[in-house]
Protein backbone atom coordinates (compact mmCIF):
# COMPACT_ATOMS: atom_id res chain seq x y z
CA MET A 1 -15.69 30.74 6.29
CA LYS A 2 -16.40 29.74 2.71
CA LYS A 3 -14.50 32.72 1.29
CA LYS A 4 -11.44 32.00 3.41
CA TYR A 5 -11.37 28.28 2.58
CA ILE A 6 -11.68 28.57 -1.17
CA THR A 7 -9.23 31.44 -1.36
CA SER A 8 -6.62 29.56 0.65
CA PHE A 9 -7.01 26.51 -1.60
CA VAL A 10 -6.47 28.48 -4.78
CA LEU A 11 -3.47 30.32 -3.38
CA ALA A 12 -2.00 27.02 -2.25
CA ALA A 13 -2.70 25.58 -5.68
CA LEU A 14 -0.98 28.46 -7.42
CA LEU A 15 1.98 28.26 -5.09
CA SER A 16 2.35 24.50 -5.41
CA ALA A 17 1.71 24.14 -9.12
CA GLY A 18 4.29 21.53 -9.90
CA CYS A 19 3.86 19.74 -13.18
CA SER A 20 5.45 21.96 -15.74
CA SER A 21 8.33 24.36 -15.45
CA SER A 22 6.35 27.06 -17.22
CA PHE A 23 3.93 27.14 -14.32
CA LEU A 24 6.55 26.65 -11.64
CA ASP A 25 8.49 29.65 -12.85
CA GLN A 26 5.55 32.02 -12.66
CA ASP A 27 5.14 34.39 -9.70
CA PRO A 28 1.65 33.85 -8.27
CA PRO A 29 -0.39 36.82 -7.07
CA LEU A 30 -0.41 37.39 -3.34
CA TYR A 31 -4.22 37.50 -3.13
CA ILE A 32 -7.11 36.56 -5.35
CA GLU A 33 -10.72 37.46 -4.68
CA PRO A 34 -12.87 34.30 -4.63
CA GLU A 35 -15.18 35.67 -7.31
CA ASP A 36 -12.19 36.12 -9.63
CA ILE A 37 -10.77 32.64 -9.27
CA TYR A 38 -12.72 31.07 -12.10
CA SER A 39 -13.02 34.17 -14.26
CA SER A 40 -9.63 33.66 -15.90
CA ALA A 41 -8.52 30.66 -17.95
CA GLU A 42 -4.95 31.21 -16.78
CA ARG A 43 -5.94 31.14 -13.10
CA ILE A 44 -8.08 28.06 -13.61
CA GLU A 45 -5.20 26.23 -15.27
CA ALA A 46 -2.81 27.32 -12.53
CA THR A 47 -5.26 25.99 -9.96
CA LEU A 48 -5.41 22.70 -11.87
CA MET A 49 -1.62 22.53 -11.74
CA GLY A 50 -1.92 22.86 -7.99
CA LEU A 51 -3.89 19.63 -7.91
CA TYR A 52 -0.94 17.82 -9.45
CA GLY A 53 1.29 19.47 -6.86
CA SER A 54 -1.00 18.26 -4.08
CA LEU A 55 -0.81 14.72 -5.47
CA LYS A 56 2.97 14.96 -5.34
CA ASN A 57 3.85 16.71 -2.09
CA THR A 58 3.27 19.66 0.21
CA GLN A 59 5.95 21.89 1.70
CA GLN A 60 6.07 19.67 4.78
CA GLU A 61 5.17 16.18 3.62
CA SER A 62 5.33 14.14 0.45
CA PHE A 63 2.53 12.00 -0.92
CA MET A 64 2.99 10.15 -4.21
CA GLY A 65 6.09 12.22 -4.91
CA GLY A 66 7.92 10.62 -2.01
CA LYS A 67 6.99 8.74 1.15
CA THR A 68 3.71 7.13 0.14
CA TYR A 69 5.26 6.08 -3.17
CA LEU A 70 8.06 4.44 -1.16
CA VAL A 71 5.56 2.53 0.96
CA PHE A 72 4.54 0.18 -1.84
CA ASP A 73 8.08 -1.16 -2.23
CA GLN A 74 8.53 -1.28 1.53
CA ARG A 75 5.66 -3.76 1.56
CA GLY A 76 7.41 -5.92 -1.05
CA GLU A 77 10.33 -8.30 -0.55
CA ASP A 78 12.97 -6.89 -2.90
CA ILE A 79 14.09 -3.89 -0.82
CA CYS A 80 15.24 -4.13 2.81
CA ASN A 81 14.68 -1.33 5.30
CA VAL A 82 17.67 -1.59 7.64
CA SER A 83 17.11 1.72 9.42
CA GLY A 84 15.11 0.50 12.40
CA ASN A 85 13.77 4.06 12.39
CA LEU A 86 10.03 4.67 12.55
CA SER A 87 10.48 8.01 10.76
CA SER A 88 11.98 6.11 7.81
CA LEU A 89 8.96 3.89 7.09
CA TYR A 90 10.10 1.03 9.30
CA ASP A 91 6.52 0.31 10.39
CA ALA A 92 5.52 -0.10 6.74
CA TYR A 93 8.45 -2.44 6.11
CA THR A 94 7.78 -4.63 9.16
CA MET A 95 4.05 -4.74 8.36
CA ASN A 96 3.40 -3.14 11.74
CA VAL A 97 1.56 0.03 10.73
CA SER A 98 -0.75 1.16 13.54
CA PRO A 99 -3.53 3.77 13.71
CA VAL A 100 -0.94 6.30 14.91
CA SER A 101 1.98 5.41 12.63
CA THR A 102 3.31 8.49 10.88
CA GLU A 103 3.12 7.03 7.37
CA ASN A 104 -0.49 6.03 7.99
CA THR A 105 -1.63 9.46 9.15
CA THR A 106 0.27 11.42 6.51
CA THR A 107 -0.81 9.16 3.64
CA TRP A 108 -4.45 9.45 4.65
CA ASN A 109 -4.30 13.20 5.25
CA ASN A 110 -2.48 13.95 2.00
CA ALA A 111 -4.76 11.71 -0.04
CA TYR A 112 -7.94 13.27 1.29
CA ALA A 113 -6.55 16.79 1.10
CA THR A 114 -5.86 16.17 -2.58
CA ILE A 115 -9.30 14.63 -3.08
CA ASN A 116 -10.98 17.60 -1.42
CA ASN A 117 -8.94 20.02 -3.50
CA VAL A 118 -10.18 18.19 -6.59
CA ASN A 119 -13.76 18.37 -5.35
CA LEU A 120 -13.42 22.11 -4.73
CA PHE A 121 -12.01 22.54 -8.22
CA LEU A 122 -14.82 20.51 -9.79
CA GLU A 123 -17.35 22.69 -8.02
CA GLY A 124 -15.63 25.93 -8.98
CA ILE A 125 -14.91 25.09 -12.60
CA GLU A 126 -18.63 25.01 -13.33
CA GLY A 127 -18.50 28.79 -13.06
CA GLY A 128 -15.66 28.96 -15.56
CA LYS A 129 -17.18 27.15 -18.52
CA ASP A 130 -17.52 30.29 -20.61
CA VAL A 131 -13.91 31.43 -20.18
CA LEU A 132 -12.51 27.93 -20.73
CA GLY A 133 -14.43 27.01 -23.84
CA ASP A 134 -13.04 23.78 -25.30
CA LYS A 135 -10.62 23.40 -22.37
CA TYR A 136 -13.44 22.89 -19.87
CA ALA A 137 -13.89 19.17 -20.60
CA GLN A 138 -10.14 18.54 -20.58
CA PHE A 139 -9.51 20.32 -17.28
CA LYS A 140 -12.42 18.52 -15.64
CA ALA A 141 -11.15 15.16 -16.90
CA GLU A 142 -7.66 15.93 -15.58
CA ALA A 143 -9.02 16.71 -12.12
CA LEU A 144 -11.07 13.52 -12.10
CA PHE A 145 -7.98 11.53 -13.10
CA ILE A 146 -6.14 12.88 -10.05
CA ARG A 147 -9.02 11.92 -7.76
CA ALA A 148 -9.19 8.47 -9.35
CA LEU A 149 -5.47 7.94 -8.78
CA CYS A 150 -5.83 8.87 -5.10
CA TYR A 151 -8.65 6.40 -4.53
CA TYR A 152 -6.78 3.70 -6.43
CA TYR A 153 -3.80 3.94 -4.11
CA LEU A 154 -5.97 4.15 -0.99
CA ASN A 155 -7.77 0.97 -2.06
CA ASN A 156 -4.40 -0.79 -2.21
CA LEU A 157 -3.54 0.03 1.39
CA TYR A 158 -6.79 -0.01 3.34
CA SER A 159 -8.79 -2.87 1.84
CA GLN A 160 -8.55 -6.60 1.41
CA PRO A 161 -8.05 -7.69 -2.23
CA TYR A 162 -11.17 -7.56 -4.38
CA LEU A 163 -10.49 -11.08 -5.67
CA LEU A 164 -10.77 -12.43 -2.11
CA LYS A 165 -13.66 -10.33 -0.85
CA HIS A 166 -15.39 -7.93 -3.22
CA ASP A 167 -17.45 -6.35 -0.44
CA ALA A 168 -14.51 -5.78 1.93
CA LYS A 169 -14.56 -2.40 3.62
CA SER A 170 -12.20 0.15 2.13
CA VAL A 171 -12.27 3.94 2.53
CA PRO A 172 -14.97 6.65 2.50
CA LEU A 173 -15.84 7.95 -0.95
CA ARG A 174 -15.88 11.73 -0.58
CA LEU A 175 -17.13 13.10 -3.89
CA THR A 176 -18.23 16.61 -2.95
CA ALA A 177 -16.26 19.53 -1.57
CA GLN A 178 -16.04 19.60 2.21
CA LYS A 179 -15.77 23.12 3.63
CA GLY A 180 -16.38 22.44 7.30
CA SER A 181 -16.94 19.68 9.83
CA GLU A 182 -20.56 19.04 8.87
CA GLY A 183 -19.56 16.35 6.37
CA ASN A 184 -17.12 14.47 8.58
CA ALA A 185 -19.40 11.51 9.34
CA MET A 186 -19.15 9.02 6.49
CA PRO A 187 -18.88 5.20 6.49
CA ARG A 188 -16.36 3.20 4.54
CA SER A 189 -17.28 2.12 1.02
CA THR A 190 -16.40 -1.36 -0.23
CA VAL A 191 -13.36 -2.17 -2.33
CA GLU A 192 -15.71 -2.80 -5.26
CA GLN A 193 -17.44 0.56 -4.83
CA VAL A 194 -14.11 2.38 -4.71
CA TYR A 195 -12.86 0.69 -7.88
CA ASN A 196 -16.17 1.43 -9.59
CA GLN A 197 -15.75 5.09 -8.68
CA VAL A 198 -12.21 5.11 -10.08
CA LEU A 199 -13.58 3.79 -13.37
CA ALA A 200 -16.43 6.32 -13.28
CA ASP A 201 -13.95 9.17 -12.83
CA LEU A 202 -12.16 7.99 -15.97
CA GLN A 203 -15.21 7.60 -18.20
CA ASP A 204 -14.60 10.91 -20.01
CA LEU A 205 -10.97 10.18 -20.82
CA GLN A 206 -11.52 11.07 -24.48
CA ALA A 207 -11.44 14.71 -23.37
CA LEU A 208 -7.80 14.23 -22.41
CA PRO A 209 -4.94 14.97 -24.84
CA ASP A 210 -2.77 12.37 -26.56
CA GLY A 211 0.53 13.90 -25.46
CA THR A 212 3.62 11.72 -25.66
CA ALA A 213 7.37 12.31 -25.28
CA THR A 214 7.00 15.92 -24.18
CA GLU A 215 7.22 17.46 -20.73
CA GLU A 216 3.55 18.40 -20.61
CA GLY A 217 2.51 15.15 -22.25
CA THR A 218 4.11 13.10 -19.47
CA THR A 219 3.35 15.26 -16.43
CA ARG A 220 -0.36 15.82 -16.98
CA ALA A 221 -3.19 13.35 -17.46
CA THR A 222 -3.47 11.98 -20.98
CA LYS A 223 -5.52 9.29 -22.67
CA GLY A 224 -2.60 6.91 -22.22
CA ALA A 225 -2.36 7.54 -18.47
CA ALA A 226 -6.11 7.11 -18.03
CA HIS A 227 -6.11 3.85 -20.00
CA MET A 228 -3.24 2.62 -17.81
CA LEU A 229 -5.17 3.32 -14.63
CA LYS A 230 -8.26 1.60 -16.04
CA MET A 231 -6.06 -1.33 -17.01
CA ARG A 232 -4.71 -1.65 -13.47
CA VAL A 233 -8.21 -1.53 -11.99
CA ASN A 234 -9.53 -4.19 -14.36
CA MET A 235 -6.59 -6.42 -13.49
CA ALA A 236 -7.42 -6.00 -9.81
CA LEU A 237 -11.01 -6.98 -10.62
CA GLY A 238 -9.85 -10.05 -12.54
CA LYS A 239 -11.40 -8.70 -15.73
CA TRP A 240 -8.61 -9.75 -18.05
CA GLU A 241 -10.32 -9.09 -21.39
CA GLU A 242 -11.31 -5.57 -20.31
CA ALA A 243 -7.77 -4.96 -19.12
CA ILE A 244 -6.41 -6.09 -22.49
CA THR A 245 -8.73 -3.64 -24.24
CA GLU A 246 -7.38 -0.80 -22.10
CA GLY A 247 -3.78 -1.86 -22.64
CA LYS A 248 -4.15 -1.95 -26.40
CA ALA A 249 -5.64 1.54 -26.27
CA VAL A 250 -2.32 2.87 -24.92
CA LYS A 251 -0.86 4.07 -28.21
CA GLY A 252 2.01 6.23 -29.37
CA TYR A 253 4.61 4.87 -26.93
CA GLU A 254 7.59 2.57 -27.32
CA LEU A 255 10.38 1.18 -25.17
CA VAL A 256 13.61 3.14 -25.02
CA SER A 257 16.66 1.09 -25.97
CA ASP A 258 18.49 1.66 -22.67
CA VAL A 259 16.41 1.34 -19.50
CA THR A 260 18.86 3.44 -17.48
CA LYS A 261 18.06 6.51 -19.59
CA LEU A 262 14.59 6.61 -18.06
CA PHE A 263 16.07 7.84 -14.80
CA GLN A 264 18.22 10.60 -16.27
CA THR A 265 17.34 14.09 -17.45
CA PRO A 266 15.12 15.11 -19.12
CA TYR A 267 13.14 12.16 -17.61
CA TYR A 268 10.46 12.16 -20.31
CA THR A 269 10.93 9.68 -23.16
CA SER A 270 8.96 7.67 -25.70
CA GLU A 271 8.32 5.18 -22.87
CA THR A 272 7.15 7.65 -20.22
CA ILE A 273 3.36 7.76 -19.87
CA PHE A 274 2.89 9.68 -16.62
CA SER A 275 5.39 10.93 -14.05
CA LEU A 276 5.44 13.40 -11.19
CA PRO A 277 8.12 15.99 -11.99
CA MET A 278 10.23 18.05 -9.65
CA ALA A 279 11.42 21.65 -9.88
CA THR A 280 13.82 23.65 -7.73
CA ASN A 281 11.04 25.42 -5.81
CA ASN A 282 8.80 22.37 -5.45
CA THR A 283 10.76 19.40 -4.11
CA PRO A 284 10.10 17.02 -1.20
CA ASN A 285 11.00 18.16 2.30
CA THR A 286 13.82 16.62 4.36
CA GLN A 287 13.55 12.81 4.65
CA GLN A 288 10.71 12.83 2.14
CA GLY A 289 12.39 12.34 -1.25
CA LEU A 290 13.16 9.06 -3.01
CA ALA A 291 16.90 9.66 -3.40
CA GLU A 292 17.36 10.30 0.32
CA TYR A 293 16.11 6.78 0.99
CA TYR A 294 17.50 4.80 -1.91
CA THR A 295 21.05 6.18 -1.86
CA ASP A 296 21.56 5.69 1.88
CA PRO A 297 22.69 2.13 2.75
CA LYS A 298 21.73 2.85 6.35
CA ILE A 299 18.08 3.11 5.29
CA LEU A 300 17.29 1.01 2.20
CA LYS A 301 19.26 -1.79 0.56
CA ILE A 302 18.50 -4.25 -2.20
CA ASP A 303 17.70 -7.64 -0.68
CA LEU A 304 20.42 -9.81 -2.19
CA LYS A 305 19.45 -12.80 -0.08
CA ASN A 306 15.72 -13.18 -0.66
CA GLY A 307 14.84 -10.53 -3.27
CA ILE A 308 14.50 -10.69 -7.03
CA MET A 309 18.12 -9.68 -7.63
CA ALA A 310 19.18 -12.78 -5.72
CA GLU A 311 17.51 -15.13 -8.20
CA ALA A 312 19.56 -16.79 -10.93
CA ASN A 313 17.66 -15.65 -14.01
CA TYR A 314 17.12 -12.15 -12.64
CA SER A 315 20.67 -11.24 -11.70
CA LEU A 316 22.49 -12.00 -14.95
CA ALA A 317 25.60 -9.92 -15.53
CA ASP A 318 24.55 -9.09 -19.09
CA ASP A 319 21.22 -7.65 -17.96
CA LYS A 320 21.37 -3.83 -18.20
CA ARG A 321 19.12 -3.55 -15.17
CA MET A 322 21.98 -4.79 -13.01
CA ALA A 323 23.41 -1.29 -13.44
CA PHE A 324 20.85 -0.19 -10.85
CA LYS A 325 22.63 -2.25 -8.18
CA THR A 326 25.48 -0.33 -6.54
CA LYS A 327 28.53 -1.62 -4.68
CA GLU A 328 26.81 -0.51 -1.48
CA GLU A 329 23.81 -2.68 -2.45
CA THR A 330 21.59 0.37 -2.86
CA LEU A 331 19.24 1.04 -5.77
CA ALA A 332 20.53 3.60 -8.28
CA LYS A 333 17.29 4.70 -9.94
CA PHE A 334 16.78 7.83 -7.84
CA THR A 335 20.11 9.43 -7.06
CA ASP A 336 19.73 13.21 -6.88
CA VAL A 337 20.11 13.69 -3.13
CA ARG A 338 21.38 17.26 -3.36
CA THR A 339 18.68 18.93 -5.47
CA LYS A 340 15.94 16.24 -5.24
CA LEU A 341 14.96 16.71 -8.88
CA ASP A 342 14.44 13.03 -9.75
CA TRP A 343 11.06 12.56 -11.39
CA VAL A 344 8.72 9.93 -9.95
CA PRO A 345 7.45 7.46 -12.59
CA ILE A 346 3.83 6.36 -12.19
CA PHE A 347 3.13 4.71 -15.56
CA ARG A 348 5.55 3.69 -18.30
CA TYR A 349 5.11 1.62 -21.43
CA ALA A 350 7.09 -1.34 -20.07
CA GLU A 351 4.26 -1.79 -17.57
CA THR A 352 1.71 -1.72 -20.38
CA LEU A 353 3.53 -4.61 -22.05
CA LEU A 354 4.00 -6.68 -18.89
CA ASN A 355 0.39 -6.01 -17.90
CA LEU A 356 -0.65 -7.38 -21.28
CA ALA A 357 1.61 -10.38 -20.73
CA GLU A 358 -0.08 -11.12 -17.40
CA CYS A 359 -3.55 -10.59 -18.83
CA TYR A 360 -2.98 -12.93 -21.77
CA ALA A 361 -1.45 -15.54 -19.45
CA ASN A 362 -4.77 -15.52 -17.59
CA THR A 363 -6.97 -15.91 -20.67
CA PRO A 364 -7.70 -19.05 -22.73
CA ASN A 365 -5.26 -19.54 -25.59
CA GLY A 366 -3.36 -16.40 -24.64
CA GLU A 367 0.04 -17.84 -23.77
CA SER A 368 1.65 -17.11 -27.13
CA GLN A 369 0.81 -13.41 -26.84
CA ALA A 370 1.91 -13.41 -23.20
CA LYS A 371 5.34 -14.71 -24.19
CA ASP A 372 5.72 -12.12 -26.93
CA TYR A 373 5.01 -9.24 -24.55
CA LEU A 374 7.30 -10.70 -21.90
CA LYS A 375 10.14 -10.99 -24.42
CA GLN A 376 9.76 -7.36 -25.51
CA VAL A 377 10.55 -6.08 -22.03
CA ARG A 378 13.08 -8.71 -20.97
CA HIS A 379 15.08 -8.63 -24.20
CA ARG A 380 15.25 -4.85 -24.19
CA SER A 381 17.73 -5.18 -21.31
CA LEU A 382 19.09 -8.67 -21.95
CA ALA A 383 19.94 -9.95 -25.43
CA ALA A 384 18.00 -13.09 -26.33
CA ASP A 385 21.19 -15.06 -26.95
CA LYS A 386 22.41 -14.17 -23.44
CA ASP A 387 19.15 -15.12 -21.77
CA LYS A 388 19.29 -18.32 -19.71
CA LEU A 389 15.52 -18.30 -19.25
CA ASN A 390 13.80 -20.30 -22.00
CA ILE A 391 10.59 -18.31 -22.31
CA ASP A 392 9.30 -20.41 -25.21
CA ALA A 393 9.30 -23.51 -22.99
CA LEU A 394 7.14 -21.91 -20.29
CA SER A 395 3.44 -22.50 -19.81
CA GLY A 396 0.79 -22.41 -17.14
CA ASP A 397 1.91 -21.29 -13.70
CA ALA A 398 5.58 -21.28 -14.75
CA LEU A 399 4.82 -18.63 -17.36
CA LYS A 400 2.83 -16.55 -14.89
CA GLN A 401 5.64 -16.72 -12.35
CA ALA A 402 8.14 -15.59 -14.99
CA ILE A 403 5.94 -12.58 -15.75
CA TYR A 404 5.55 -11.77 -12.05
CA LYS A 405 9.30 -11.95 -11.52
CA GLU A 406 10.01 -9.85 -14.58
CA ARG A 407 7.73 -7.18 -13.13
CA ARG A 408 9.67 -7.28 -9.88
CA LEU A 409 13.00 -6.76 -11.62
CA GLU A 410 11.80 -4.20 -14.14
CA PHE A 411 9.95 -2.03 -11.62
CA ILE A 412 12.02 -2.48 -8.48
CA GLY A 413 11.74 0.75 -6.50
CA GLU A 414 8.87 2.09 -8.64
CA GLY A 415 5.95 1.57 -6.29
CA LEU A 416 4.40 -1.52 -7.88
CA ARG A 417 5.42 -4.60 -5.91
CA GLY A 418 3.16 -4.05 -2.90
CA ILE A 419 0.23 -3.42 -5.22
CA ASP A 420 0.88 -6.58 -7.24
CA VAL A 421 1.03 -8.77 -4.12
CA LEU A 422 -2.18 -7.37 -2.68
CA ARG A 423 -4.29 -7.41 -5.85
CA ARG A 424 -3.49 -11.09 -6.38
CA GLY A 425 -4.30 -11.91 -2.75
CA GLU A 426 -0.79 -13.31 -2.25
CA ASN A 427 1.27 -13.38 0.92
CA PHE A 428 3.73 -10.67 1.84
CA VAL A 429 7.05 -12.30 2.72
CA ARG A 430 9.90 -11.10 4.96
CA GLY A 431 12.50 -13.86 4.93
CA GLU A 432 10.92 -16.55 7.09
CA LYS A 433 8.01 -14.31 8.09
CA VAL A 434 4.82 -14.62 6.08
CA PHE A 435 1.88 -12.21 6.21
CA SER A 436 -1.24 -13.74 4.70
CA PRO A 437 -4.41 -11.79 3.86
CA LYS A 438 -5.71 -12.90 7.28
CA SER A 439 -2.67 -11.56 9.14
CA ASN A 440 -2.64 -8.37 11.14
CA GLY A 441 -0.73 -5.79 9.15
CA TYR A 442 -1.71 -7.12 5.72
CA ILE A 443 -3.78 -3.99 5.23
CA TRP A 444 -3.49 -0.71 7.10
CA PRO A 445 -5.88 0.30 9.87
CA ILE A 446 -7.87 3.51 9.67
CA PRO A 447 -5.77 6.31 11.22
CA GLN A 448 -6.71 7.31 14.74
CA ALA A 449 -7.14 10.93 13.66
CA GLU A 450 -9.84 9.90 11.18
CA SER A 451 -11.63 7.75 13.74
CA LEU A 452 -11.78 10.69 16.15
CA LEU A 453 -13.26 13.03 13.52
CA ASN A 454 -15.51 10.58 11.69
CA PRO A 455 -18.02 8.82 13.99
CA ASP A 456 -19.26 6.60 11.15
CA ILE A 457 -15.89 5.31 9.95
CA ASN A 458 -16.12 1.98 11.79
CA LYS A 459 -19.81 1.28 11.19
């Protein structure tokens, strides 16, 4: 049983390695003896690449490389799902996700499959220390980053906001490799415990490389990506000073002059911190990729009645970001329907700056810095002399709201809006419908499949 499980994981990892074309283009061996898996630095690295592939998508379903990534904008108010089709994330959009909703089951299964693959890797890599040498610490830190990212996203779907209830139930923390059913029974940890584990998984980030503006430097975990994840967690915890420290540690990046270039080949730029790449033999399945949703006006459309692009200061003709709005009212960030090779951005430097703006706006005497960071992002796409928003005149809640709205416009379609609403404990809004933190649907229920397998999940 053990031999079969570990072997199948490594083969799957080799086959799905999806974060650098050099690995994607290799022909994996048809069979590897379990005892040989961690005896070769090349095989260990290929297995690590498989973890990134698992985070992105499988041959059948997409995780953060597609459908689950889409979910976080479906929960926001700037994109409308007009499909009426449950297979196109309509439950997520209508805040009606049930224990048997497809997006619920697949998100949970893909997240925990990735987490278990990481745990298997962490167990196995201990036998490869000698062959890895100096790479051991880096590879381990990369795997832990992937696990941390999975738990971060799970916390933002299955738990009440930390700021409202720090001991709210979240998801089980599975930190060891599961090779059979004997470990199924596990209760839910709290939102605080999950965030603490995310931070713990990132504590050795100094072992990660500094890579910037290269393919490998933007598709594998780096110090910058780890600092960004720590920054997000500290913001969710309301620890603004700690978040500022993490944001200032993100070094070596800068904004590109034209925001539209971020969504064109080669996809990695001076602004790109971490993205999930695509390659011809490792793309999302049918109805799983971003472009299939965002280019089809029968599925997703920009909300030009209630969304951010309907607001006066966020729909200015001179703003370069208006180029993302098509005549069909679709979003033109992810457009490669035919080959599905659009990369999926997770962290970019514009978020670092707007995170810093929000953090400083929430600290004493920080408004001046908040305005400076806000201007850097806004005036990259809209010349200051064309801007009808007087940022210098803003203060207090008005300044915070300007930062929040800038985030909505800058990152529309990039999987952030639903997270921002939840971490602040705000309401989700659908026109006249309001979903408060006390409403059914505000967070997702535990999938039925998990409840059937895990007798302790609801304790």
